[in-house]
């Protein structure tokens, strides 16, 4: 049996840790990451993993469950160093294979840029948060990211 004094000391430590994490803005299961990026302009390329009915005008037959599984597997492969361009060519359900430039909220887009408001909110939130030369995953959400799962490579 654990002595009462030790139990109270352990409880006090856990409460202090929980309070510190709460003030840090996360719960104990989260990984504390660097401060999010908030650039004015970004250049990205992306891979869309859709499911049946999620990409208007594009015939996708996989289920949501299959799409999620594929997106997670591709994300792992991309993080492992597999060529992102090859993954796009082989797996993307987007008719576009272009690199795109995007201007953030409140920034006037240049002639070759899209405004951030044209992006699905979940897509834009990830694209503008990840650091240059990194890969993020925007997960499907019926409101924030309705077309499926997006793997996003931020070039700069």
N, C-alpha and C. Protein backbone atom coordinates (compact mmCIF):
# COMPACT_ATOMS: atom_id res chain seq x y z
N UNK A 1 0.83 -1.18 0.00
CA UNK A 1 0.00 0.00 0.00
C UNK A 1 0.88 1.25 0.00
N UNK A 2 0.46 2.26 -0.76
CA UNK A 2 1.23 3.50 -0.87
C UNK A 2 0.93 4.38 0.34
N UNK A 3 1.97 4.88 1.03
CA UNK A 3 1.75 5.75 2.19
C UNK A 3 0.93 6.98 1.81
N UNK A 4 0.12 7.45 2.72
CA UNK A 4 -0.76 8.60 2.48
C UNK A 4 0.04 9.82 2.06
N UNK A 5 1.16 10.08 2.74
CA UNK A 5 1.98 11.26 2.43
C UNK A 5 2.45 11.21 0.97
N UNK A 6 2.87 10.03 0.48
CA UNK A 6 3.34 9.87 -0.90
C UNK A 6 2.19 10.06 -1.88
N UNK A 7 1.00 9.55 -1.53
CA UNK A 7 -0.15 9.74 -2.41
C UNK A 7 -0.48 11.21 -2.57
N UNK A 8 -0.46 11.98 -1.50
CA UNK A 8 -0.76 13.40 -1.58
C UNK A 8 0.31 14.16 -2.36
N UNK A 9 1.57 13.76 -2.19
CA UNK A 9 2.65 14.39 -2.94
C UNK A 9 2.50 14.13 -4.43
N UNK A 10 2.15 12.90 -4.79
CA UNK A 10 1.94 12.55 -6.20
C UNK A 10 0.75 13.31 -6.76
N UNK A 11 -0.33 13.38 -5.99
CA UNK A 11 -1.52 14.12 -6.43
C UNK A 11 -1.18 15.59 -6.65
N UNK A 12 -0.41 16.16 -5.72
CA UNK A 12 -0.02 17.57 -5.86
C UNK A 12 0.81 17.80 -7.12
N UNK A 13 1.72 16.89 -7.42
CA UNK A 13 2.54 17.00 -8.63
C UNK A 13 1.68 16.91 -9.88
N UNK A 14 0.74 15.97 -9.90
CA UNK A 14 -0.15 15.84 -11.05
C UNK A 14 -1.02 17.06 -11.23
N UNK A 15 -1.54 17.63 -10.15
CA UNK A 15 -2.35 18.84 -10.25
C UNK A 15 -1.52 20.01 -10.77
N UNK A 16 -0.29 20.14 -10.30
CA UNK A 16 0.59 21.22 -10.78
C UNK A 16 0.89 21.04 -12.26
N UNK A 17 1.16 19.81 -12.67
CA UNK A 17 1.44 19.54 -14.08
C UNK A 17 0.21 19.84 -14.93
N UNK A 18 -0.95 19.39 -14.49
CA UNK A 18 -2.19 19.65 -15.22
C UNK A 18 -2.48 21.13 -15.35
N UNK A 19 -2.23 21.90 -14.28
CA UNK A 19 -2.43 23.34 -14.31
C UNK A 19 -1.46 23.99 -15.29
N UNK A 20 -0.20 23.56 -15.27
CA UNK A 20 0.79 24.12 -16.20
C UNK A 20 0.40 23.84 -17.64
N UNK A 21 -0.07 22.63 -17.90
CA UNK A 21 -0.49 22.30 -19.27
C UNK A 21 -1.72 23.07 -19.67
N UNK A 22 -2.65 23.29 -18.75
CA UNK A 22 -3.84 24.06 -19.06
C UNK A 22 -3.46 25.49 -19.41
N UNK A 23 -2.53 26.08 -18.65
CA UNK A 23 -2.09 27.43 -18.97
C UNK A 23 -1.31 27.47 -20.28
N UNK A 24 -0.69 26.36 -20.65
CA UNK A 24 0.05 26.30 -21.91
C UNK A 24 -0.91 26.09 -23.08
N UNK A 25 -2.20 25.85 -22.79
CA UNK A 25 -3.19 25.72 -23.85
C UNK A 25 -3.29 24.33 -24.44
N UNK A 26 -2.94 23.30 -23.68
CA UNK A 26 -3.05 21.96 -24.21
C UNK A 26 -3.40 21.00 -23.10
N UNK A 27 -3.85 19.82 -23.48
CA UNK A 27 -4.06 18.80 -22.47
C UNK A 27 -2.85 17.87 -22.46
N UNK A 28 -2.83 16.93 -21.55
CA UNK A 28 -1.67 16.08 -21.37
C UNK A 28 -1.37 15.17 -22.54
N UNK A 29 -2.33 14.97 -23.46
CA UNK A 29 -2.12 14.08 -24.59
C UNK A 29 -1.53 14.78 -25.80
N UNK A 30 -1.49 16.10 -25.78
CA UNK A 30 -1.00 16.83 -26.94
C UNK A 30 0.52 16.94 -26.92
N UNK A 31 1.06 17.06 -28.11
CA UNK A 31 2.48 17.33 -28.26
C UNK A 31 2.63 18.83 -28.42
N UNK A 32 3.43 19.45 -27.60
CA UNK A 32 3.62 20.89 -27.69
C UNK A 32 4.48 21.15 -28.91
N UNK A 33 3.98 21.98 -29.83
CA UNK A 33 4.68 22.24 -31.08
C UNK A 33 5.10 23.69 -31.16
N UNK A 34 5.95 24.02 -32.14
CA UNK A 34 6.40 25.40 -32.28
C UNK A 34 5.24 26.34 -32.54
N UNK A 35 5.48 27.62 -32.29
CA UNK A 35 4.47 28.64 -32.55
C UNK A 35 4.05 28.56 -34.02
N UNK A 36 2.74 28.59 -34.27
CA UNK A 36 2.28 28.50 -35.65
C UNK A 36 2.81 29.63 -36.52
N UNK A 37 2.97 29.32 -37.77
CA UNK A 37 3.39 30.30 -38.75
C UNK A 37 2.19 31.21 -39.06
N UNK A 38 2.43 32.42 -39.50
CA UNK A 38 1.36 33.29 -39.96
C UNK A 38 1.90 34.18 -41.07
N UNK A 39 2.37 33.55 -42.15
CA UNK A 39 2.98 34.32 -43.23
C UNK A 39 1.93 35.07 -44.06
N UNK A 40 2.39 36.07 -44.77
CA UNK A 40 1.48 36.80 -45.67
C UNK A 40 1.26 36.04 -46.97
N UNK A 41 2.28 35.35 -47.45
CA UNK A 41 2.20 34.61 -48.73
C UNK A 41 2.82 33.24 -48.55
N UNK A 42 2.22 32.24 -49.18
CA UNK A 42 2.80 30.90 -49.17
C UNK A 42 2.71 30.30 -50.57
N UNK A 43 3.57 29.33 -50.82
CA UNK A 43 3.51 28.54 -52.04
C UNK A 43 3.39 27.09 -51.61
N UNK A 44 2.40 26.40 -52.18
CA UNK A 44 2.13 25.03 -51.76
C UNK A 44 1.81 24.14 -52.96
N UNK A 45 1.88 22.86 -52.71
CA UNK A 45 1.29 21.86 -53.60
C UNK A 45 0.59 20.87 -52.70
N UNK A 46 -0.38 20.20 -53.26
CA UNK A 46 -1.20 19.35 -52.39
C UNK A 46 -1.66 18.10 -53.10
N UNK A 47 -2.05 17.14 -52.29
CA UNK A 47 -2.60 15.88 -52.76
C UNK A 47 -3.95 15.71 -52.05
N UNK A 48 -4.99 15.53 -52.82
CA UNK A 48 -6.33 15.32 -52.26
C UNK A 48 -6.68 13.84 -52.30
N UNK A 49 -7.08 13.31 -51.16
CA UNK A 49 -7.61 11.95 -51.10
C UNK A 49 -9.10 12.09 -50.81
N UNK A 50 -9.89 11.93 -51.86
CA UNK A 50 -11.34 12.07 -51.73
C UNK A 50 -12.02 10.73 -51.56
N UNK A 51 -13.33 10.79 -51.51
CA UNK A 51 -14.15 9.59 -51.41
C UNK A 51 -15.38 9.80 -52.30
N UNK A 52 -16.15 8.77 -52.50
CA UNK A 52 -17.29 8.82 -53.41
C UNK A 52 -18.17 10.04 -53.12
N UNK A 53 -18.34 10.89 -54.12
CA UNK A 53 -19.19 12.06 -54.01
C UNK A 53 -18.55 13.30 -53.41
N UNK A 54 -17.29 13.23 -53.00
CA UNK A 54 -16.67 14.38 -52.31
C UNK A 54 -15.99 15.37 -53.25
N UNK A 55 -15.67 14.93 -54.47
CA UNK A 55 -14.97 15.81 -55.41
C UNK A 55 -15.89 16.02 -56.62
N UNK A 56 -16.58 17.16 -56.66
CA UNK A 56 -17.53 17.40 -57.75
C UNK A 56 -16.89 17.23 -59.13
N UNK A 57 -17.55 16.45 -59.97
CA UNK A 57 -17.09 16.25 -61.33
C UNK A 57 -15.91 15.32 -61.49
N UNK A 58 -15.51 14.66 -60.42
CA UNK A 58 -14.35 13.78 -60.48
C UNK A 58 -14.76 12.42 -59.93
N UNK A 59 -14.62 11.36 -60.71
CA UNK A 59 -15.11 10.05 -60.28
C UNK A 59 -14.21 9.36 -59.25
N UNK A 60 -14.61 9.44 -57.99
CA UNK A 60 -13.89 8.77 -56.92
C UNK A 60 -14.82 7.70 -56.37
N UNK A 61 -14.32 6.47 -56.24
CA UNK A 61 -15.18 5.37 -55.81
C UNK A 61 -14.91 4.86 -54.41
N UNK A 62 -13.80 5.28 -53.78
CA UNK A 62 -13.47 4.73 -52.46
C UNK A 62 -14.43 5.29 -51.40
N UNK A 63 -14.57 4.56 -50.31
CA UNK A 63 -15.39 4.98 -49.17
C UNK A 63 -14.62 5.98 -48.32
N UNK A 64 -15.30 6.63 -47.36
CA UNK A 64 -14.63 7.54 -46.43
C UNK A 64 -13.57 6.79 -45.62
N UNK A 65 -13.90 5.61 -45.18
CA UNK A 65 -12.96 4.82 -44.38
C UNK A 65 -11.71 4.49 -45.20
N UNK A 66 -11.91 4.09 -46.45
CA UNK A 66 -10.77 3.79 -47.32
C UNK A 66 -9.94 5.04 -47.59
N UNK A 67 -10.62 6.18 -47.78
CA UNK A 67 -9.92 7.44 -48.04
C UNK A 67 -9.07 7.85 -46.83
N UNK A 68 -9.64 7.74 -45.65
CA UNK A 68 -8.89 8.10 -44.45
C UNK A 68 -7.66 7.21 -44.29
N UNK A 69 -7.83 5.93 -44.48
CA UNK A 69 -6.72 4.99 -44.36
C UNK A 69 -5.62 5.31 -45.38
N UNK A 70 -6.01 5.57 -46.61
CA UNK A 70 -5.05 5.91 -47.66
C UNK A 70 -4.34 7.22 -47.33
N UNK A 71 -5.09 8.23 -46.88
CA UNK A 71 -4.49 9.53 -46.56
C UNK A 71 -3.45 9.40 -45.45
N UNK A 72 -3.78 8.64 -44.42
CA UNK A 72 -2.83 8.45 -43.32
C UNK A 72 -1.58 7.70 -43.78
N UNK A 73 -1.77 6.71 -44.62
CA UNK A 73 -0.62 5.96 -45.15
C UNK A 73 0.26 6.86 -46.03
N UNK A 74 -0.37 7.65 -46.89
CA UNK A 74 0.39 8.55 -47.76
C UNK A 74 1.09 9.64 -46.96
N UNK A 75 0.45 10.12 -45.91
CA UNK A 75 1.08 11.12 -45.05
C UNK A 75 2.35 10.54 -44.43
N UNK A 76 2.27 9.32 -43.96
CA UNK A 76 3.46 8.66 -43.41
C UNK A 76 4.55 8.50 -44.45
N UNK A 77 4.17 8.13 -45.65
CA UNK A 77 5.17 7.97 -46.71
C UNK A 77 5.81 9.30 -47.07
N UNK A 78 5.00 10.36 -47.14
CA UNK A 78 5.54 11.69 -47.46
C UNK A 78 6.49 12.16 -46.36
N UNK A 79 6.10 11.97 -45.11
CA UNK A 79 6.97 12.35 -43.99
C UNK A 79 8.25 11.52 -43.98
N UNK A 80 8.15 10.30 -44.51
CA UNK A 80 9.32 9.42 -44.58
C UNK A 80 10.27 9.76 -45.72
N UNK A 81 9.92 10.77 -46.51
CA UNK A 81 10.83 11.23 -47.56
C UNK A 81 10.47 10.80 -48.98
N UNK A 82 9.37 10.09 -49.15
CA UNK A 82 8.98 9.71 -50.51
C UNK A 82 8.68 10.96 -51.32
N UNK A 83 9.01 10.94 -52.61
CA UNK A 83 8.83 12.10 -53.47
C UNK A 83 7.37 12.54 -53.50
N UNK A 84 7.12 13.77 -53.06
CA UNK A 84 5.75 14.27 -52.96
C UNK A 84 5.11 14.41 -54.35
N UNK A 85 5.88 14.84 -55.33
CA UNK A 85 5.37 14.96 -56.69
C UNK A 85 4.90 13.62 -57.24
N UNK A 86 5.65 12.56 -56.96
CA UNK A 86 5.24 11.22 -57.40
C UNK A 86 3.96 10.78 -56.71
N UNK A 87 3.84 11.09 -55.43
CA UNK A 87 2.61 10.75 -54.71
C UNK A 87 1.41 11.49 -55.29
N UNK A 88 1.60 12.76 -55.62
CA UNK A 88 0.51 13.55 -56.23
C UNK A 88 0.08 12.91 -57.54
N UNK A 89 1.05 12.61 -58.40
CA UNK A 89 0.73 12.04 -59.72
C UNK A 89 0.01 10.70 -59.61
N UNK A 90 0.38 9.91 -58.64
CA UNK A 90 -0.19 8.57 -58.50
C UNK A 90 -1.52 8.55 -57.76
N UNK A 91 -1.67 9.39 -56.73
CA UNK A 91 -2.80 9.24 -55.82
C UNK A 91 -3.79 10.40 -55.75
N UNK A 92 -3.44 11.59 -56.22
CA UNK A 92 -4.33 12.74 -55.98
C UNK A 92 -5.64 12.64 -56.76
N UNK A 93 -6.72 12.97 -56.07
CA UNK A 93 -8.04 13.01 -56.69
C UNK A 93 -8.42 14.41 -57.13
N UNK A 94 -7.49 15.32 -57.07
CA UNK A 94 -7.72 16.68 -57.55
C UNK A 94 -7.35 16.75 -59.02
N UNK A 95 -8.17 17.41 -59.82
CA UNK A 95 -7.81 17.56 -61.22
C UNK A 95 -6.58 18.46 -61.41
N UNK A 96 -6.24 19.25 -60.40
CA UNK A 96 -5.09 20.15 -60.48
C UNK A 96 -3.85 19.48 -59.92
N UNK A 97 -2.75 19.64 -60.62
CA UNK A 97 -1.45 19.15 -60.14
C UNK A 97 -0.48 20.31 -59.98
N UNK A 98 -1.02 21.51 -60.00
CA UNK A 98 -0.21 22.72 -60.00
C UNK A 98 0.30 23.09 -58.61
N UNK A 99 1.42 23.78 -58.61
CA UNK A 99 1.89 24.47 -57.41
C UNK A 99 1.12 25.77 -57.37
N UNK A 100 0.60 26.13 -56.20
CA UNK A 100 -0.20 27.35 -56.12
C UNK A 100 0.37 28.30 -55.07
N UNK A 101 0.20 29.58 -55.34
CA UNK A 101 0.60 30.63 -54.41
C UNK A 101 -0.68 31.21 -53.81
N UNK A 102 -0.64 31.47 -52.49
CA UNK A 102 -1.82 31.93 -51.79
C UNK A 102 -1.46 33.11 -50.89
N UNK A 103 -2.32 34.13 -50.90
CA UNK A 103 -2.15 35.28 -50.01
C UNK A 103 -3.05 35.10 -48.80
N UNK A 104 -2.53 35.41 -47.63
CA UNK A 104 -3.25 35.23 -46.37
C UNK A 104 -4.41 36.23 -46.25
N UNK A 105 -5.25 36.02 -45.25
CA UNK A 105 -6.35 36.95 -44.98
C UNK A 105 -5.80 38.36 -44.84
N UNK A 106 -6.49 39.33 -45.41
CA UNK A 106 -6.11 40.72 -45.28
C UNK A 106 -4.95 41.16 -46.15
N UNK A 107 -4.45 40.26 -46.99
CA UNK A 107 -3.32 40.58 -47.88
C UNK A 107 -3.85 40.57 -49.31
N UNK A 108 -3.55 41.60 -50.05
CA UNK A 108 -3.99 41.66 -51.44
C UNK A 108 -3.18 40.65 -52.26
N UNK A 109 -3.86 39.71 -52.92
CA UNK A 109 -3.13 38.71 -53.72
C UNK A 109 -2.42 39.34 -54.91
N UNK A 110 -1.23 38.85 -55.21
CA UNK A 110 -0.53 39.24 -56.43
C UNK A 110 -1.26 38.62 -57.62
N UNK A 111 -0.87 38.98 -58.82
CA UNK A 111 -1.55 38.50 -60.03
C UNK A 111 -1.55 36.98 -60.14
N UNK A 112 -0.53 36.32 -59.61
CA UNK A 112 -0.44 34.86 -59.73
C UNK A 112 -0.85 34.13 -58.45
N UNK A 113 -1.52 34.81 -57.53
CA UNK A 113 -1.91 34.22 -56.26
C UNK A 113 -3.42 34.09 -56.13
N UNK A 114 -3.82 33.13 -55.29
CA UNK A 114 -5.21 32.99 -54.90
C UNK A 114 -5.38 33.62 -53.52
N UNK A 115 -6.54 34.17 -53.22
CA UNK A 115 -6.77 34.62 -51.84
C UNK A 115 -7.06 33.41 -50.96
N UNK A 116 -6.68 33.49 -49.70
CA UNK A 116 -6.91 32.38 -48.78
C UNK A 116 -8.39 32.03 -48.68
N UNK A 117 -9.25 32.98 -48.87
CA UNK A 117 -10.70 32.73 -48.77
C UNK A 117 -11.18 31.72 -49.80
N UNK A 118 -10.40 31.44 -50.83
CA UNK A 118 -10.77 30.45 -51.85
C UNK A 118 -10.47 29.03 -51.40
N UNK A 119 -9.71 28.88 -50.34
CA UNK A 119 -9.36 27.55 -49.84
C UNK A 119 -10.42 27.07 -48.84
N UNK A 120 -10.61 25.76 -48.78
CA UNK A 120 -11.42 25.19 -47.70
C UNK A 120 -10.75 25.61 -46.39
N UNK A 121 -11.54 25.97 -45.40
CA UNK A 121 -10.98 26.51 -44.16
C UNK A 121 -9.96 25.57 -43.51
N UNK A 122 -10.28 24.28 -43.42
CA UNK A 122 -9.35 23.33 -42.82
C UNK A 122 -8.05 23.23 -43.59
N UNK A 123 -8.13 23.29 -44.91
CA UNK A 123 -6.95 23.27 -45.78
C UNK A 123 -6.09 24.49 -45.49
N UNK A 124 -6.71 25.68 -45.51
CA UNK A 124 -5.97 26.92 -45.28
C UNK A 124 -5.34 26.98 -43.90
N UNK A 125 -6.07 26.49 -42.90
CA UNK A 125 -5.54 26.52 -41.54
C UNK A 125 -4.25 25.71 -41.43
N UNK A 126 -4.20 24.56 -42.08
CA UNK A 126 -2.98 23.75 -42.06
C UNK A 126 -1.89 24.39 -42.92
N UNK A 127 -2.25 24.80 -44.13
CA UNK A 127 -1.26 25.36 -45.06
C UNK A 127 -0.54 26.57 -44.48
N UNK A 128 -1.26 27.42 -43.75
CA UNK A 128 -0.65 28.62 -43.20
C UNK A 128 -0.01 28.40 -41.84
N UNK A 129 -0.17 27.22 -41.27
CA UNK A 129 0.41 26.92 -39.96
C UNK A 129 1.73 26.17 -40.07
N UNK A 130 1.86 25.29 -41.06
CA UNK A 130 3.08 24.50 -41.16
C UNK A 130 4.26 25.35 -41.64
N UNK A 131 5.43 24.93 -41.28
CA UNK A 131 6.65 25.64 -41.65
C UNK A 131 7.02 25.36 -43.10
N UNK A 132 7.80 26.24 -43.71
CA UNK A 132 8.27 25.97 -45.07
C UNK A 132 8.99 24.63 -45.16
N UNK A 133 8.84 23.98 -46.30
CA UNK A 133 9.42 22.68 -46.60
C UNK A 133 8.97 21.60 -45.62
N UNK A 134 7.71 21.67 -45.22
CA UNK A 134 7.15 20.62 -44.39
C UNK A 134 5.82 20.17 -44.97
N UNK A 135 5.32 19.07 -44.44
CA UNK A 135 4.09 18.47 -44.96
C UNK A 135 3.09 18.36 -43.83
N UNK A 136 1.88 18.83 -44.09
CA UNK A 136 0.81 18.74 -43.11
C UNK A 136 -0.36 17.96 -43.68
N UNK A 137 -1.27 17.58 -42.81
CA UNK A 137 -2.45 16.83 -43.21
C UNK A 137 -3.69 17.55 -42.70
N UNK A 138 -4.55 17.95 -43.62
CA UNK A 138 -5.85 18.53 -43.27
C UNK A 138 -6.86 17.40 -43.35
N UNK A 139 -7.46 17.07 -42.22
CA UNK A 139 -8.37 15.94 -42.17
C UNK A 139 -9.77 16.33 -42.63
N UNK A 140 -10.46 15.36 -43.18
CA UNK A 140 -11.82 15.59 -43.66
C UNK A 140 -12.74 16.04 -42.53
N UNK A 141 -13.52 17.04 -42.83
CA UNK A 141 -14.56 17.54 -41.95
C UNK A 141 -15.66 18.05 -42.88
N UNK A 142 -16.90 17.71 -42.62
CA UNK A 142 -17.98 18.05 -43.55
C UNK A 142 -18.14 19.55 -43.76
N UNK A 143 -17.65 20.37 -42.83
CA UNK A 143 -17.75 21.82 -42.97
C UNK A 143 -16.39 22.43 -43.31
N UNK A 144 -15.35 22.10 -42.52
CA UNK A 144 -14.04 22.73 -42.66
C UNK A 144 -13.20 22.21 -43.82
N UNK A 145 -13.41 20.96 -44.19
CA UNK A 145 -12.59 20.32 -45.23
C UNK A 145 -13.44 19.26 -45.93
N UNK A 146 -14.48 19.67 -46.66
CA UNK A 146 -15.49 18.74 -47.16
C UNK A 146 -15.07 17.82 -48.30
N UNK A 147 -13.99 18.12 -49.00
CA UNK A 147 -13.62 17.32 -50.16
C UNK A 147 -12.81 16.07 -49.83
N UNK A 148 -12.36 15.94 -48.60
CA UNK A 148 -11.58 14.78 -48.22
C UNK A 148 -10.39 15.18 -47.39
N UNK A 149 -9.33 14.41 -47.49
CA UNK A 149 -8.09 14.62 -46.74
C UNK A 149 -7.08 15.26 -47.69
N UNK A 150 -6.42 16.32 -47.24
CA UNK A 150 -5.42 17.00 -48.04
C UNK A 150 -4.05 16.84 -47.41
N UNK A 151 -3.10 16.32 -48.17
CA UNK A 151 -1.70 16.37 -47.77
C UNK A 151 -1.15 17.64 -48.41
N UNK A 152 -0.56 18.49 -47.62
CA UNK A 152 -0.12 19.80 -48.10
C UNK A 152 1.38 19.93 -47.89
N UNK A 153 2.08 20.22 -48.97
CA UNK A 153 3.52 20.48 -48.89
C UNK A 153 3.71 21.97 -49.05
N UNK A 154 4.14 22.62 -47.98
CA UNK A 154 4.42 24.06 -48.06
C UNK A 154 5.84 24.23 -48.58
N UNK A 155 5.94 24.84 -49.73
CA UNK A 155 7.25 25.06 -50.35
C UNK A 155 7.95 26.25 -49.73
N UNK A 156 7.23 27.37 -49.63
CA UNK A 156 7.78 28.54 -48.93
C UNK A 156 6.68 29.45 -48.48
